């Protein structure tokens, strides 16, 4: 049965990169299906963030993860948009007052992709090979196993980084398999790196939808989209990050998986130069985790 259309179009805020737009369109498609609404019931609003504008410096030197969310959240708070669609690995662990992040789409592939112009794996790289990455986590993990490589800063969206690779700025780089899948570009990956070899970023592969806390009608609209297991896994990983007070200056990785009635959380912290790594795991009932990142018991 077709549900009545909203009096105004639902405005979906997003960054303007091809991947961010693909995630916003995926969200719109799921809402269209859930409520039997036409595409005209929605408006995708592109918002340029500080992280998009600043391309010549590492994020950790200019403000960290909040650079990809601040302007979007400001427009959410002032009512310019109704919801915001985020890559969860870009999200700070604390939301501004008045906003809530409690809807997660089914999680994509969590693995990192190895992308190279000539080598088949990290182990295959020759000593001194130039590797490009903007991720402090990936840099530290790589240098932990291959301190003989030359790791350089490599900012930009997927397409920008692939162009830099083609231009010879570096011989290889890393991307997220989730992003390549969502862009139908999985063919550019030389291979996927298993979590046992490179533990992914917190919440990698997950899309979160943020809204105003008191906007109960929008909460009802979003509810059919929520994937409970993704929410529990992301909650555990983000709780790990928050407990360690993680920032863009600390290489931290984590992955939660649900095995039957239990949730297994693996985590690691590294020195930025990769000289030392601390890792561990914790197992418990997955129902103890709520989607807002707090333990229920």
C-alpha atoms as a PDB file:
ATOM      1  CA  UNK A   1       0.000   0.000   0.000  1.00  0.00           C
ATOM      2  CA  UNK A   2       1.350   3.407  -0.995  1.00  0.00           C
ATOM      3  CA  UNK A   3       2.067   5.763   1.895  1.00  0.00           C
ATOM      4  CA  UNK A   4       1.204   9.446   1.726  1.00  0.00           C
ATOM      5  CA  UNK A   5       4.012  11.672   0.483  1.00  0.00           C
ATOM      6  CA  UNK A   6       5.670  14.159   2.855  1.00  0.00           C
ATOM      7  CA  UNK A   7       4.455  17.778   2.455  1.00  0.00           C
ATOM      8  CA  UNK A   8       7.968  18.778   1.380  1.00  0.00           C
ATOM      9  CA  UNK A   9      10.811  16.811  -0.179  1.00  0.00           C
ATOM     10  CA  UNK A  10      13.047  14.978   2.271  1.00  0.00           C
ATOM     11  CA  UNK A  11      16.464  16.601   1.956  1.00  0.00           C
ATOM     12  CA  UNK A  12      19.422  14.190   2.134  1.00  0.00           C
ATOM     13  CA  UNK A  13      22.736  15.866   2.939  1.00  0.00           C
ATOM     14  CA  UNK A  14      25.986  14.416   1.642  1.00  0.00           C
ATOM     15  CA  UNK A  15      29.497  15.235   0.542  1.00  0.00           C
ATOM     16  CA  UNK A  16      29.986  15.597  -3.196  1.00  0.00           C
ATOM     17  CA  UNK A  17      32.463  12.827  -4.005  1.00  0.00           C
ATOM     18  CA  UNK A  18      31.251  10.041  -6.325  1.00  0.00           C
ATOM     19  CA  UNK A  19      31.317   7.591  -3.406  1.00  0.00           C
ATOM     20  CA  UNK A  20      29.404   9.903  -1.061  1.00  0.00           C
ATOM     21  CA  UNK A  21      26.794  10.503  -3.762  1.00  0.00           C
ATOM     22  CA  UNK A  22      26.485   6.752  -4.372  1.00  0.00           C
ATOM     23  CA  UNK A  23      25.810   6.263  -0.660  1.00  0.00           C
ATOM     24  CA  UNK A  24      23.176   9.010  -0.637  1.00  0.00           C
ATOM     25  CA  UNK A  25      21.486   7.511  -3.700  1.00  0.00           C
ATOM     26  CA  UNK A  26      21.544   4.069  -2.025  1.00  0.00           C
ATOM     27  CA  UNK A  27      19.817   5.600   0.999  1.00  0.00           C
ATOM     28  CA  UNK A  28      17.238   7.303  -1.220  1.00  0.00           C
ATOM     29  CA  UNK A  29      16.551   4.045  -3.069  1.00  0.00           C
ATOM     30  CA  UNK A  30      15.985   2.176   0.196  1.00  0.00           C
ATOM     31  CA  UNK A  31      13.578   4.864   1.410  1.00  0.00           C
ATOM     32  CA  UNK A  32      11.719   4.800  -1.917  1.00  0.00           C
ATOM     33  CA  UNK A  33      11.322   1.037  -1.594  1.00  0.00           C
ATOM     34  CA  UNK A  34      10.367   1.123   2.102  1.00  0.00           C
ATOM     35  CA  UNK A  35       7.638   3.747   1.651  1.00  0.00           C
ATOM     36  CA  UNK A  36       6.715   3.307  -2.021  1.00  0.00           C
ATOM     37  CA  UNK A  37       7.602   6.919  -2.772  1.00  0.00           C
ATOM     38  CA  UNK A  38       8.871   8.304  -6.104  1.00  0.00           C
ATOM     39  CA  UNK A  39      12.321   9.787  -6.548  1.00  0.00           C
ATOM     40  CA  UNK A  40      10.740  13.256  -6.640  1.00  0.00           C
ATOM     41  CA  UNK A  41       9.936  12.945  -2.926  1.00  0.00           C
ATOM     42  CA  UNK A  42      13.646  13.372  -2.143  1.00  0.00           C
ATOM     43  CA  UNK A  43      16.375  15.925  -2.782  1.00  0.00           C
ATOM     44  CA  UNK A  44      20.071  15.067  -2.530  1.00  0.00           C
ATOM     45  CA  UNK A  45      21.869  18.160  -1.203  1.00  0.00           C
ATOM     46  CA  UNK A  46      25.628  18.295  -1.842  1.00  0.00           C
ATOM     47  CA  UNK A  47      27.607  20.040   0.889  1.00  0.00           C
ATOM     48  CA  UNK A  48      31.296  20.778   0.527  1.00  0.00           C
ATOM     49  CA  UNK A  49      33.225  20.137   3.734  1.00  0.00           C
ATOM     50  CA  UNK A  50      36.554  21.444   4.967  1.00  0.00           C
ATOM     51  CA  UNK A  51      38.010  17.993   4.384  1.00  0.00           C
ATOM     52  CA  UNK A  52      37.035  18.214   0.717  1.00  0.00           C
ATOM     53  CA  UNK A  53      38.523  21.683   0.301  1.00  0.00           C
ATOM     54  CA  UNK A  54      41.840  21.006   2.063  1.00  0.00           C
ATOM     55  CA  UNK A  55      43.806  18.557  -0.074  1.00  0.00           C
ATOM     56  CA  UNK A  56      47.408  19.631   0.472  1.00  0.00           C
ATOM     57  CA  UNK A  57      47.853  18.664   4.148  1.00  0.00           C
ATOM     58  CA  UNK A  58      47.304  15.530   6.246  1.00  0.00           C
ATOM     59  CA  UNK A  59      43.977  15.553   8.087  1.00  0.00           C
ATOM     60  CA  UNK A  60      45.643  15.142  11.472  1.00  0.00           C
ATOM     61  CA  UNK A  61      47.324  18.539  10.988  1.00  0.00           C
ATOM     62  CA  UNK A  62      44.150  20.474  10.176  1.00  0.00           C
ATOM     63  CA  UNK A  63      41.407  19.094  12.402  1.00  0.00           C
ATOM     64  CA  UNK A  64      40.903  15.368  11.986  1.00  0.00           C
ATOM     65  CA  UNK A  65      37.718  13.464  11.201  1.00  0.00           C
ATOM     66  CA  UNK A  66      35.376  16.354  11.971  1.00  0.00           C
ATOM     67  CA  UNK A  67      36.548  18.063   8.802  1.00  0.00           C
ATOM     68  CA  UNK A  68      34.297  15.720   6.790  1.00  0.00           C
ATOM     69  CA  UNK A  69      31.192  16.278   8.917  1.00  0.00           C
ATOM     70  CA  UNK A  70      31.131  19.755  10.447  1.00  0.00           C
ATOM     71  CA  UNK A  71      29.439  21.687   7.646  1.00  0.00           C
ATOM     72  CA  UNK A  72      26.955  18.874   7.027  1.00  0.00           C
ATOM     73  CA  UNK A  73      25.974  18.734  10.695  1.00  0.00           C
ATOM     74  CA  UNK A  74      25.605  22.521  10.822  1.00  0.00           C
ATOM     75  CA  UNK A  75      23.042  22.339   8.008  1.00  0.00           C
ATOM     76  CA  UNK A  76      21.296  19.451   9.738  1.00  0.00           C
ATOM     77  CA  UNK A  77      21.012  21.456  12.947  1.00  0.00           C
ATOM     78  CA  UNK A  78      19.660  24.581  11.227  1.00  0.00           C
ATOM     79  CA  UNK A  79      17.081  22.586   9.246  1.00  0.00           C
ATOM     80  CA  UNK A  80      18.607  23.057   5.795  1.00  0.00           C
ATOM     81  CA  UNK A  81      18.646  19.265   5.400  1.00  0.00           C
ATOM     82  CA  UNK A  82      16.601  16.525   7.091  1.00  0.00           C
ATOM     83  CA  UNK A  83      19.131  13.689   7.259  1.00  0.00           C
ATOM     84  CA  UNK A  84      22.844  13.253   6.614  1.00  0.00           C
ATOM     85  CA  UNK A  85      24.447  10.175   5.079  1.00  0.00           C
ATOM     86  CA  UNK A  86      27.960   9.377   6.299  1.00  0.00           C
ATOM     87  CA  UNK A  87      30.754   6.866   5.817  1.00  0.00           C
ATOM     88  CA  UNK A  88      31.014   5.744   9.408  1.00  0.00           C
ATOM     89  CA  UNK A  89      34.795   5.450   9.388  1.00  0.00           C
ATOM     90  CA  UNK A  90      34.877   9.256   8.898  1.00  0.00           C
ATOM     91  CA  UNK A  91      32.679   9.979  11.918  1.00  0.00           C
ATOM     92  CA  UNK A  92      33.871  11.297  15.289  1.00  0.00           C
ATOM     93  CA  UNK A  93      32.691   9.142  18.189  1.00  0.00           C
ATOM     94  CA  UNK A  94      30.615  12.000  19.672  1.00  0.00           C
ATOM     95  CA  UNK A  95      27.819  13.818  17.838  1.00  0.00           C
ATOM     96  CA  UNK A  96      26.926  17.485  18.418  1.00  0.00           C
ATOM     97  CA  UNK A  97      24.129  18.197  20.885  1.00  0.00           C
ATOM     98  CA  UNK A  98      20.766  17.823  19.184  1.00  0.00           C
ATOM     99  CA  UNK A  99      21.860  15.178  16.673  1.00  0.00           C
ATOM    100  CA  UNK A 100      21.685  11.400  16.787  1.00  0.00           C
ATOM    101  CA  UNK A 101      23.291   8.703  14.662  1.00  0.00           C
ATOM    102  CA  UNK A 102      21.365   5.467  15.156  1.00  0.00           C
ATOM    103  CA  UNK A 103      20.478   4.096  11.708  1.00  0.00           C
ATOM    104  CA  UNK A 104      22.957   1.865   9.860  1.00  0.00           C
ATOM    105  CA  UNK A 105      22.573   0.274   6.453  1.00  0.00           C
ATOM    106  CA  UNK A 106      23.772  -3.335   5.987  1.00  0.00           C
ATOM    107  CA  UNK A 107      27.555  -3.318   6.143  1.00  0.00           C
ATOM    108  CA  UNK A 108      29.631  -3.825   3.008  1.00  0.00           C
ATOM    109  CA  UNK A 109      32.990  -5.616   2.650  1.00  0.00           C
ATOM    110  CA  UNK A 110      35.198  -4.442   5.541  1.00  0.00           C
ATOM    111  CA  UNK A 111      38.533  -5.266   3.897  1.00  0.00           C
ATOM    112  CA  UNK A 112      41.162  -2.921   2.520  1.00  0.00           C
ATOM    113  CA  UNK A 113      42.013  -3.191  -1.160  1.00  0.00           C
ATOM    114  CA  UNK A 114      45.620  -3.321  -2.367  1.00  0.00           C
ATOM    115  CA  UNK A 115      45.884  -1.352  -5.612  1.00  0.00           C
ATOM    116  CA  UNK A 116      49.138  -1.548  -7.542  1.00  0.00           C
ATOM    117  CA  UNK A 117      50.522  -0.811 -10.990  1.00  0.00           C
ATOM    118  CA  UNK A 118      52.898  -3.766 -10.899  1.00  0.00           C
ATOM    119  CA  UNK A 119      52.985  -5.789  -7.683  1.00  0.00           C
ATOM    120  CA  UNK A 120      50.500  -8.446  -6.594  1.00  0.00           C
ATOM    121  CA  UNK A 121      50.788  -8.003  -2.824  1.00  0.00           C
ATOM    122  CA  UNK A 122      52.533  -6.098  -0.040  1.00  0.00           C
ATOM    123  CA  UNK A 123      55.057  -8.909   0.297  1.00  0.00           C
ATOM    124  CA  UNK A 124      55.862  -8.589  -3.413  1.00  0.00           C
ATOM    125  CA  UNK A 125      56.901  -4.918  -3.158  1.00  0.00           C
ATOM    126  CA  UNK A 126      60.582  -4.193  -3.737  1.00  0.00           C
ATOM    127  CA  UNK A 127      62.572  -2.385  -1.059  1.00  0.00           C
ATOM    128  CA  UNK A 128      62.096   1.373  -1.327  1.00  0.00           C
ATOM    129  CA  UNK A 129      58.839   1.145  -3.321  1.00  0.00           C
ATOM    130  CA  UNK A 130      56.799   4.335  -3.007  1.00  0.00           C
ATOM    131  CA  UNK A 131      53.415   3.656  -1.427  1.00  0.00           C
ATOM    132  CA  UNK A 132      50.742   6.351  -1.200  1.00  0.00           C
ATOM    133  CA  UNK A 133      48.200   6.573   1.610  1.00  0.00           C
ATOM    134  CA  UNK A 134      46.497   9.330   3.605  1.00  0.00           C
ATOM    135  CA  UNK A 135      45.504   6.904   6.376  1.00  0.00           C
ATOM    136  CA  UNK A 136      47.681   6.980   9.471  1.00  0.00           C
ATOM    137  CA  UNK A 137      46.355   3.511  10.330  1.00  0.00           C
ATOM    138  CA  UNK A 138      47.341   2.001   6.991  1.00  0.00           C
ATOM    139  CA  UNK A 139      50.705   3.771   7.099  1.00  0.00           C
ATOM    140  CA  UNK A 140      51.504   2.379  10.560  1.00  0.00           C
ATOM    141  CA  UNK A 141      50.277  -1.125   9.722  1.00  0.00           C
ATOM    142  CA  UNK A 142      52.315  -1.170   6.531  1.00  0.00           C
ATOM    143  CA  UNK A 143      55.476   0.135   8.184  1.00  0.00           C
ATOM    144  CA  UNK A 144      55.098  -2.423  10.966  1.00  0.00           C
ATOM    145  CA  UNK A 145      55.559  -5.258   8.464  1.00  0.00           C
ATOM    146  CA  UNK A 146      57.555  -3.407   5.755  1.00  0.00           C
ATOM    147  CA  UNK A 147      59.644  -0.593   7.292  1.00  0.00           C
ATOM    148  CA  UNK A 148      61.798  -0.640   4.140  1.00  0.00           C
ATOM    149  CA  UNK A 149      59.074   0.981   1.998  1.00  0.00           C
ATOM    150  CA  UNK A 150      58.750   4.702   1.174  1.00  0.00           C
ATOM    151  CA  UNK A 151      55.277   5.774   2.375  1.00  0.00           C
ATOM    152  CA  UNK A 152      54.030   9.168   1.153  1.00  0.00           C
ATOM    153  CA  UNK A 153      50.917  11.290   1.765  1.00  0.00           C
ATOM    154  CA  UNK A 154      48.169  10.506  -0.769  1.00  0.00           C
ATOM    155  CA  UNK A 155      45.003  12.607  -0.215  1.00  0.00           C
ATOM    156  CA  UNK A 156      41.879  12.659  -2.386  1.00  0.00           C
ATOM    157  CA  UNK A 157      38.766  10.681  -3.267  1.00  0.00           C
ATOM    158  CA  UNK A 158      38.918   7.303  -5.011  1.00  0.00           C
ATOM    159  CA  UNK A 159      39.177   8.765  -8.504  1.00  0.00           C
ATOM    160  CA  UNK A 160      41.849  11.300  -7.488  1.00  0.00           C
ATOM    161  CA  UNK A 161      44.007   8.643  -5.874  1.00  0.00           C
ATOM    162  CA  UNK A 162      43.706   6.355  -8.886  1.00  0.00           C
ATOM    163  CA  UNK A 163      44.803   9.218 -11.148  1.00  0.00           C
ATOM    164  CA  UNK A 164      47.814   9.891  -8.910  1.00  0.00           C
ATOM    165  CA  UNK A 165      48.680   6.216  -9.182  1.00  0.00           C
ATOM    166  CA  UNK A 166      48.386   6.325 -12.976  1.00  0.00           C
ATOM    167  CA  UNK A 167      50.575   9.454 -13.029  1.00  0.00           C
ATOM    168  CA  UNK A 168      53.334   7.642 -11.159  1.00  0.00           C
ATOM    169  CA  UNK A 169      53.137   9.605  -7.904  1.00  0.00           C
ATOM    170  CA  UNK A 170      53.287   6.213  -6.171  1.00  0.00           C
ATOM    171  CA  UNK A 171      53.482   2.585  -7.260  1.00  0.00           C
ATOM    172  CA  UNK A 172      50.616   1.368  -5.103  1.00  0.00           C
ATOM    173  CA  UNK A 173      47.985   2.506  -2.641  1.00  0.00           C
ATOM    174  CA  UNK A 174      45.106   1.235  -0.514  1.00  0.00           C
ATOM    175  CA  UNK A 175      41.375   1.796  -0.880  1.00  0.00           C
ATOM    176  CA  UNK A 176      38.352   0.355   0.880  1.00  0.00           C
ATOM    177  CA  UNK A 177      36.740  -2.628  -0.830  1.00  0.00           C
ATOM    178  CA  UNK A 178      33.352  -1.268   0.292  1.00  0.00           C
ATOM    179  CA  UNK A 179      33.844   1.925  -1.686  1.00  0.00           C
ATOM    180  CA  UNK A 180      34.975   0.067  -4.787  1.00  0.00           C
ATOM    181  CA  UNK A 181      31.935  -2.208  -4.560  1.00  0.00           C
ATOM    182  CA  UNK A 182      29.560   0.737  -4.208  1.00  0.00           C
ATOM    183  CA  UNK A 183      31.172   2.448  -7.203  1.00  0.00           C
ATOM    184  CA  UNK A 184      31.174  -0.751  -9.294  1.00  0.00           C
ATOM    185  CA  UNK A 185      34.964  -0.421  -9.502  1.00  0.00           C
ATOM    186  CA  UNK A 186      36.094  -3.603  -7.772  1.00  0.00           C
ATOM    187  CA  UNK A 187      38.129  -4.420 -10.887  1.00  0.00           C
ATOM    188  CA  UNK A 188      40.734  -1.781  -9.951  1.00  0.00           C
ATOM    189  CA  UNK A 189      41.752  -3.746  -6.847  1.00  0.00           C
ATOM    190  CA  UNK A 190      44.829  -5.897  -7.293  1.00  0.00           C
ATOM    191  CA  UNK A 191      43.517  -7.900  -4.357  1.00  0.00           C
ATOM    192  CA  UNK A 192      41.647  -7.660  -1.069  1.00  0.00           C
ATOM    193  CA  UNK A 193      43.657  -7.758   2.158  1.00  0.00           C
ATOM    194  CA  UNK A 194      42.233 -10.067   4.805  1.00  0.00           C
ATOM    195  CA  UNK A 195      41.611  -8.558   8.268  1.00  0.00           C
ATOM    196  CA  UNK A 196      44.186 -10.939   9.729  1.00  0.00           C
ATOM    197  CA  UNK A 197      46.816  -9.116   7.661  1.00  0.00           C
ATOM    198  CA  UNK A 198      45.460  -5.564   7.904  1.00  0.00           C
ATOM    199  CA  UNK A 199      42.766  -4.937  10.496  1.00  0.00           C
ATOM    200  CA  UNK A 200      40.363  -2.348   9.034  1.00  0.00           C
ATOM    201  CA  UNK A 201      39.429   1.089  10.319  1.00  0.00           C
ATOM    202  CA  UNK A 202      36.702   1.370  12.921  1.00  0.00           C
ATOM    203  CA  UNK A 203      33.302   1.054  11.171  1.00  0.00           C
ATOM    204  CA  UNK A 204      34.853   0.606   7.718  1.00  0.00           C
ATOM    205  CA  UNK A 205      32.234  -0.404   5.155  1.00  0.00           C
ATOM    206  CA  UNK A 206      29.303   0.942   7.186  1.00  0.00           C
ATOM    207  CA  UNK A 207      26.945   3.783   6.208  1.00  0.00           C
ATOM    208  CA  UNK A 208      25.270   5.732   8.997  1.00  0.00           C
ATOM    209  CA  UNK A 209      22.313   8.118   8.794  1.00  0.00           C
ATOM    210  CA  UNK A 210      22.227  11.108  11.138  1.00  0.00           C
ATOM    211  CA  UNK A 211      19.136  13.151  12.055  1.00  0.00           C
ATOM    212  CA  UNK A 212      17.928  15.718  14.552  1.00  0.00           C
ATOM    213  CA  UNK A 213      17.219  14.148  17.920  1.00  0.00           C
ATOM    214  CA  UNK A 214      13.734  15.652  18.244  1.00  0.00           C
ATOM    215  CA  UNK A 215      12.680  14.918  14.653  1.00  0.00           C
ATOM    216  CA  UNK A 216      10.479  11.951  15.487  1.00  0.00           C
ATOM    217  CA  UNK A 217       8.699  11.792  12.115  1.00  0.00           C
ATOM    218  CA  UNK A 218      12.035  11.341  10.333  1.00  0.00           C
ATOM    219  CA  UNK A 219      13.013   8.710  12.889  1.00  0.00           C
ATOM    220  CA  UNK A 220       9.928   6.729  11.863  1.00  0.00           C
ATOM    221  CA  UNK A 221      10.838   7.078   8.166  1.00  0.00           C
ATOM    222  CA  UNK A 222      14.354   5.791   8.750  1.00  0.00           C
ATOM    223  CA  UNK A 223      13.496   2.866  11.010  1.00  0.00           C
ATOM    224  CA  UNK A 224      12.902   0.288   8.209  1.00  0.00           C
ATOM    225  CA  UNK A 225      16.421   0.906   6.898  1.00  0.00           C
ATOM    226  CA  UNK A 226      18.261  -0.060  10.087  1.00  0.00           C
ATOM    227  CA  UNK A 227      20.351  -3.233  10.114  1.00  0.00           C
ATOM    228  CA  UNK A 228      20.579  -4.370  13.732  1.00  0.00           C
ATOM    229  CA  UNK A 229      23.696  -6.499  13.433  1.00  0.00           C
ATOM    230  CA  UNK A 230      25.584  -3.747  11.640  1.00  0.00           C
ATOM    231  CA  UNK A 231      24.533  -1.360  14.412  1.00  0.00           C
ATOM    232  CA  UNK A 232      25.826  -3.721  17.097  1.00  0.00           C
ATOM    233  CA  UNK A 233      29.141  -4.295  15.329  1.00  0.00           C
ATOM    234  CA  UNK A 234      29.706  -0.585  14.710  1.00  0.00           C
ATOM    235  CA  UNK A 235      28.716   0.236  18.299  1.00  0.00           C
ATOM    236  CA  UNK A 236      31.352  -2.128  19.683  1.00  0.00           C
ATOM    237  CA  UNK A 237      34.075  -0.772  17.398  1.00  0.00           C
ATOM    238  CA  UNK A 238      33.236   2.865  18.110  1.00  0.00           C
ATOM    239  CA  UNK A 239      33.105   2.178  21.854  1.00  0.00           C
ATOM    240  CA  UNK A 240      36.631   0.758  21.574  1.00  0.00           C
ATOM    241  CA  UNK A 241      37.753   3.890  19.721  1.00  0.00           C
ATOM    242  CA  UNK A 242      36.039   6.229  22.191  1.00  0.00           C
ATOM    243  CA  UNK A 243      37.531   4.418  25.200  1.00  0.00           C
ATOM    244  CA  UNK A 244      41.012   4.887  23.763  1.00  0.00           C
ATOM    245  CA  UNK A 245      40.194   8.529  22.974  1.00  0.00           C
ATOM    246  CA  UNK A 246      41.215   7.822  19.415  1.00  0.00           C
ATOM    247  CA  UNK A 247      41.901  10.621  16.970  1.00  0.00           C
ATOM    248  CA  UNK A 248      43.515  11.113  13.590  1.00  0.00           C
ATOM    249  CA  UNK A 249      46.843  11.219  15.419  1.00  0.00           C
ATOM    250  CA  UNK A 250      46.506   7.664  16.734  1.00  0.00           C
ATOM    251  CA  UNK A 251      46.602   4.625  14.441  1.00  0.00           C
ATOM    252  CA  UNK A 252      43.722   2.476  15.714  1.00  0.00           C
ATOM    253  CA  UNK A 253      41.996  -0.451  14.012  1.00  0.00           C
ATOM    254  CA  UNK A 254      39.067  -2.595  15.117  1.00  0.00           C
ATOM    255  CA  UNK A 255      36.661  -5.161  13.758  1.00  0.00           C
ATOM    256  CA  UNK A 256      33.644  -6.743  15.406  1.00  0.00           C
ATOM    257  CA  UNK A 257      32.024  -9.884  14.028  1.00  0.00           C
ATOM    258  CA  UNK A 258      28.933 -11.694  15.247  1.00  0.00           C
ATOM    259  CA  UNK A 259      29.289 -15.432  15.731  1.00  0.00           C
ATOM    260  CA  UNK A 260      26.003 -16.947  16.809  1.00  0.00           C
ATOM    261  CA  UNK A 261      24.971 -15.227  20.050  1.00  0.00           C
ATOM    262  CA  UNK A 262      28.414 -13.756  20.618  1.00  0.00           C
ATOM    263  CA  UNK A 263      30.265 -10.726  19.367  1.00  0.00           C
ATOM    264  CA  UNK A 264      34.020 -10.951  18.856  1.00  0.00           C
ATOM    265  CA  UNK A 265      35.845  -7.625  18.913  1.00  0.00           C
ATOM    266  CA  UNK A 266      39.446  -7.417  17.752  1.00  0.00           C
ATOM    267  CA  UNK A 267      41.438  -4.238  18.114  1.00  0.00           C
ATOM    268  CA  UNK A 268      44.920  -2.865  17.715  1.00  0.00           C
ATOM    269  CA  UNK A 269      46.835   0.330  18.419  1.00  0.00           C
ATOM    270  CA  UNK A 270      50.140   1.177  16.753  1.00  0.00           C
ATOM    271  CA  UNK A 271      52.843   3.790  16.995  1.00  0.00           C
ATOM    272  CA  UNK A 272      52.583   6.131  13.973  1.00  0.00           C
ATOM    273  CA  UNK A 273      55.927   4.878  12.657  1.00  0.00           C
ATOM    274  CA  UNK A 274      54.813   1.248  12.938  1.00  0.00           C
ATOM    275  CA  UNK A 275      57.607   0.392  15.361  1.00  0.00           C
ATOM    276  CA  UNK A 276      55.227  -1.125  17.906  1.00  0.00           C
ATOM    277  CA  UNK A 277      51.763  -2.703  17.810  1.00  0.00           C
ATOM    278  CA  UNK A 278      49.452  -3.688  20.655  1.00  0.00           C
ATOM    279  CA  UNK A 279      46.552  -5.971  19.817  1.00  0.00           C
ATOM    280  CA  UNK A 280      43.905  -7.988  21.603  1.00  0.00           C
ATOM    281  CA  UNK A 281      40.336  -9.259  21.495  1.00  0.00           C
ATOM    282  CA  UNK A 282      37.227  -9.504  23.642  1.00  0.00           C
ATOM    283  CA  UNK A 283      34.213 -11.798  23.290  1.00  0.00           C
ATOM    284  CA  UNK A 284      30.720 -11.282  24.711  1.00  0.00           C
ATOM    285  CA  UNK A 285      26.982 -11.452  24.036  1.00  0.00           C
ATOM    286  CA  UNK A 286      26.246  -9.179  21.076  1.00  0.00           C
ATOM    287  CA  UNK A 287      22.885  -8.095  22.536  1.00  0.00           C
ATOM    288  CA  UNK A 288      24.839  -6.089  25.112  1.00  0.00           C
ATOM    289  CA  UNK A 289      25.651  -3.443  22.510  1.00  0.00           C
ATOM    290  CA  UNK A 290      23.235  -0.731  21.465  1.00  0.00           C
ATOM    291  CA  UNK A 291      23.532   1.145  18.168  1.00  0.00           C
ATOM    292  CA  UNK A 292      24.587   4.389  19.898  1.00  0.00           C
ATOM    293  CA  UNK A 293      27.822   2.797  21.079  1.00  0.00           C
ATOM    294  CA  UNK A 294      26.973   2.247  24.741  1.00  0.00           C
ATOM    295  CA  UNK A 295      27.077  -1.075  26.545  1.00  0.00           C
ATOM    296  CA  UNK A 296      23.671  -2.173  27.764  1.00  0.00           C
ATOM    297  CA  UNK A 297      25.107  -4.481  30.442  1.00  0.00           C
END
